[in-house]
Amino acid sequence: MKLAAISMLVVGAGGCTNARDEFVDFGDRVIDASNVEIDGAIVSELPDVEGDFFVVVRPDLPEDRFIKFIMTFDYTPVTPNTGLMDYVAVCLDIDTNEPVDGEPLSATDFDINSDASYDAPLVGTFQGRCNPIVPGSTVQADGTIHGELRTDDFVCGVLSGTAGGLNLEGTTFAGQRIIDDTLPAPIWRCEDQPSP
């Protein structure tokens, strides 16, 4: 009888789990949320920016020199607060604000993050009539748009990369929805966001 009891005790001890060891093991498999970087506040729903925007870009130069576009956004939701977006940007004549012929800048299927931010490629040719830095000179852009969807009618952010010989670091932009084919007054910084 004693032998049977000892055998059961040994078997039982071998089958028991150590709660502390299991907790440590579980902790090793869980991602530490404190190491996850999030730039902005998570939003429950993204603004609806589908449509045409008047986008004004101001390079970081001593004086105001504005590059202007009509940018059309096409948004595809993935979840209520994430999605994919495309843009087509037609540059505008520096004097007349008329759309300039030529291949527009564009990008497809870039991510809109759960904090309403995005990084989109800015790659292509700026036509000479759109160039306020060296008017008449066509330049190649190789940069990135770091933007945010602020409201249904306003986007903004900064650029990085290059356009010709111009370093785009410090360049800001803002885009306002075009209503009734009338271009709004130009603004080019997030802090100038219009009041609702």
Protein backbone atom coordinates (compact mmCIF):
# COMPACT_ATOMS: atom_id res chain seq x y z
CA MET A 1 0.00 0.00 0.00
CA LYS A 2 2.83 2.38 0.92
CA LEU A 3 4.55 1.58 -2.36
CA ALA A 4 1.37 2.38 -4.35
CA ALA A 5 0.94 5.71 -2.52
CA ILE A 6 4.56 6.69 -3.14
CA SER A 7 4.18 5.75 -6.83
CA MET A 8 1.07 7.93 -7.16
CA LEU A 9 2.84 10.83 -5.46
CA VAL A 10 5.79 10.59 -7.84
CA VAL A 11 3.52 10.36 -10.91
CA GLY A 12 1.40 13.27 -9.65
CA ALA A 13 4.47 15.43 -9.02
CA GLY A 14 5.76 14.70 -12.50
CA GLY A 15 2.44 15.73 -14.05
CA CYS A 16 2.06 19.01 -12.11
CA THR A 17 2.87 22.28 -13.76
CA ASN A 18 4.83 25.11 -12.26
CA ALA A 19 2.58 28.18 -12.55
CA ARG A 20 5.47 30.62 -12.25
CA ASP A 21 7.41 28.96 -15.10
CA GLU A 22 4.31 28.95 -17.30
CA PHE A 23 3.71 32.65 -16.62
CA VAL A 24 7.33 33.51 -17.54
CA ASP A 25 7.08 31.35 -20.65
CA PHE A 26 3.82 33.11 -21.66
CA GLY A 27 5.46 36.51 -21.11
CA ASP A 28 8.27 35.55 -23.47
CA ARG A 29 5.72 34.92 -26.25
CA VAL A 30 3.70 38.14 -25.83
CA ILE A 31 4.71 41.33 -27.66
CA ASP A 32 5.63 44.12 -25.28
CA ALA A 33 3.21 46.91 -26.15
CA SER A 34 5.59 49.48 -24.67
CA ASN A 35 7.99 48.79 -27.56
CA VAL A 36 5.41 49.49 -30.28
CA GLU A 37 5.79 52.98 -31.74
CA ILE A 38 2.65 54.87 -32.74
CA ASP A 39 3.07 58.42 -34.04
CA GLY A 40 -0.41 59.77 -33.40
CA ALA A 41 -3.60 58.92 -31.59
CA ILE A 42 -5.51 55.93 -32.90
CA VAL A 43 -8.74 57.00 -34.59
CA SER A 44 -11.94 54.97 -34.63
CA GLU A 45 -12.82 56.04 -38.16
CA LEU A 46 -10.79 57.65 -40.94
CA PRO A 47 -11.88 60.89 -42.62
CA ASP A 48 -13.48 60.48 -46.05
CA VAL A 49 -11.02 62.27 -48.32
CA GLU A 50 -12.24 60.81 -51.59
CA GLY A 51 -12.21 63.50 -54.28
CA ASP A 52 -10.27 66.57 -55.47
CA PHE A 53 -8.03 68.73 -53.28
CA PHE A 54 -6.07 71.93 -53.89
CA VAL A 55 -2.61 71.08 -52.55
CA VAL A 56 0.00 73.78 -51.94
CA VAL A 57 3.62 72.82 -51.27
CA ARG A 58 6.12 75.28 -49.76
CA PRO A 59 9.80 74.28 -50.01
CA ASP A 60 11.99 75.29 -47.07
CA LEU A 61 13.46 78.40 -48.70
CA PRO A 62 14.01 81.97 -47.44
CA GLU A 63 11.04 83.27 -49.43
CA ASP A 64 7.65 81.84 -50.36
CA ARG A 65 7.75 79.73 -53.52
CA PHE A 66 4.63 77.61 -53.95
CA ILE A 67 4.19 74.45 -55.99
CA LYS A 68 0.47 73.86 -56.57
CA PHE A 69 -1.50 70.77 -57.54
CA ILE A 70 -4.97 69.45 -57.98
CA MET A 71 -4.69 66.09 -56.24
CA THR A 72 -7.40 63.46 -56.58
CA PHE A 73 -7.60 60.86 -53.81
CA ASP A 74 -9.19 57.43 -54.23
CA TYR A 75 -9.64 55.62 -50.90
CA THR A 76 -10.37 51.93 -50.25
CA PRO A 77 -11.21 51.02 -46.63
CA VAL A 78 -9.66 47.89 -45.15
CA THR A 79 -11.03 48.32 -41.61
CA PRO A 80 -12.96 51.28 -40.13
CA ASN A 81 -9.63 52.98 -39.30
CA THR A 82 -7.19 51.66 -41.92
CA GLY A 83 -7.18 51.56 -45.68
CA LEU A 84 -5.38 51.89 -48.98
CA MET A 85 -5.24 55.05 -51.04
CA ASP A 86 -4.21 56.23 -54.50
CA TYR A 87 -3.54 59.75 -55.69
CA VAL A 88 -3.12 61.50 -59.02
CA ALA A 89 -1.60 64.99 -58.83
CA VAL A 90 -1.75 67.44 -61.75
CA CYS A 91 0.53 70.44 -61.28
CA LEU A 92 -0.74 73.96 -61.85
CA ASP A 93 0.86 76.83 -63.77
CA ILE A 94 2.68 79.13 -61.32
CA ASP A 95 0.97 82.23 -62.77
CA THR A 96 -2.46 81.13 -63.97
CA ASN A 97 -3.28 78.11 -61.76
CA GLU A 98 -4.30 76.27 -64.92
CA PRO A 99 -3.56 72.51 -65.06
CA VAL A 100 -0.36 71.81 -66.98
CA ASP A 101 -0.18 69.11 -69.65
CA GLY A 102 2.15 66.22 -69.03
CA GLU A 103 2.33 63.03 -67.01
CA PRO A 104 0.78 63.64 -63.58
CA LEU A 105 2.45 62.45 -60.39
CA SER A 106 0.71 59.41 -58.95
CA ALA A 107 0.94 56.56 -56.47
CA THR A 108 -1.27 53.55 -55.78
CA ASP A 109 -2.18 51.33 -52.84
CA PHE A 110 -0.25 53.11 -50.10
CA ASP A 111 -1.32 52.38 -46.53
CA ILE A 112 -3.43 54.71 -44.40
CA ASN A 113 -2.53 53.86 -40.81
CA SER A 114 -4.86 53.67 -37.80
CA ASP A 115 -3.67 57.13 -36.67
CA ALA A 116 -4.74 58.57 -40.09
CA SER A 117 -1.10 59.01 -41.19
CA TYR A 118 0.47 57.81 -44.43
CA ASP A 119 3.72 57.71 -46.37
CA ALA A 120 3.30 57.89 -50.14
CA PRO A 121 5.89 58.00 -52.91
CA LEU A 122 6.43 61.31 -54.69
CA VAL A 123 8.20 60.23 -57.85
CA GLY A 124 7.98 61.75 -61.32
CA THR A 125 8.49 64.89 -63.36
CA PHE A 126 7.61 68.45 -62.36
CA GLN A 127 6.83 70.40 -65.53
CA GLY A 128 8.67 73.68 -66.05
CA ARG A 129 5.48 75.77 -65.94
CA CYS A 130 4.83 74.44 -62.41
CA ASN A 131 8.32 75.19 -61.11
CA PRO A 132 8.52 78.36 -58.98
CA ILE A 133 12.15 77.71 -57.99
CA VAL A 134 13.61 77.82 -61.53
CA PRO A 135 10.65 78.76 -63.76
CA GLY A 136 10.61 76.84 -67.04
CA SER A 137 12.94 74.12 -65.74
CA THR A 138 11.60 70.56 -65.67
CA VAL A 139 12.90 68.50 -62.74
CA GLN A 140 12.66 64.94 -61.49
CA ALA A 141 11.20 64.32 -58.05
CA ASP A 142 12.30 61.40 -55.92
CA GLY A 143 10.68 61.84 -52.54
CA THR A 144 8.08 60.78 -50.01
CA ILE A 145 4.92 62.46 -48.77
CA HIS A 146 4.49 62.08 -44.99
CA GLY A 147 0.88 63.09 -44.54
CA GLU A 148 -2.14 62.97 -42.27
CA LEU A 149 -5.83 62.91 -43.00
CA ARG A 150 -7.11 65.60 -40.62
CA THR A 151 -10.76 65.92 -41.73
CA ASP A 152 -12.93 65.03 -44.72
CA ASP A 153 -11.80 68.32 -46.27
CA PHE A 154 -8.18 68.76 -45.12
CA VAL A 155 -4.88 66.87 -45.41
CA CYS A 156 -1.38 68.09 -44.58
CA GLY A 157 2.16 67.05 -43.77
CA VAL A 158 5.80 67.29 -44.83
CA LEU A 159 7.96 66.00 -47.67
CA SER A 160 11.35 64.33 -47.77
CA GLY A 161 13.67 63.41 -50.62
CA THR A 162 14.72 65.58 -53.56
CA ALA A 163 13.26 67.44 -56.54
CA GLY A 164 16.08 68.13 -58.98
CA GLY A 165 18.81 69.72 -56.87
CA LEU A 166 16.38 70.82 -54.15
CA ASN A 167 16.43 68.95 -50.84
CA LEU A 168 12.80 68.56 -49.77
CA GLU A 169 13.56 68.26 -46.03
CA GLY A 170 11.57 70.93 -44.21
CA THR A 171 9.04 71.26 -47.05
CA THR A 172 5.44 71.50 -45.83
CA PHE A 173 2.12 71.04 -47.63
CA ALA A 174 -1.60 71.29 -47.05
CA GLY A 175 -4.56 70.25 -49.16
CA GLN A 176 -8.12 71.57 -49.04
CA ARG A 177 -11.14 70.02 -50.72
CA ILE A 178 -12.20 71.78 -53.93
CA ILE A 179 -15.88 72.73 -53.80
CA ASP A 180 -17.79 74.09 -56.82
CA ASP A 181 -14.60 74.16 -58.96
CA THR A 182 -13.29 77.13 -56.93
CA LEU A 183 -9.77 76.91 -55.54
CA PRO A 184 -9.63 77.86 -51.86
CA ALA A 185 -7.13 80.40 -50.53
CA PRO A 186 -3.73 78.68 -50.43
CA ILE A 187 -2.38 77.36 -47.15
CA TRP A 188 0.62 75.06 -46.77
CA ARG A 189 0.98 74.01 -43.11
CA CYS A 190 -0.90 71.73 -40.72
CA GLU A 191 -1.17 74.52 -38.17
CA ASP A 192 -3.23 76.58 -40.64
CA GLN A 193 -6.01 73.98 -40.73
CA PRO A 194 -9.32 75.78 -41.33
CA SER A 195 -11.88 75.83 -38.54
CA PRO A 196 -14.82 73.47 -39.11
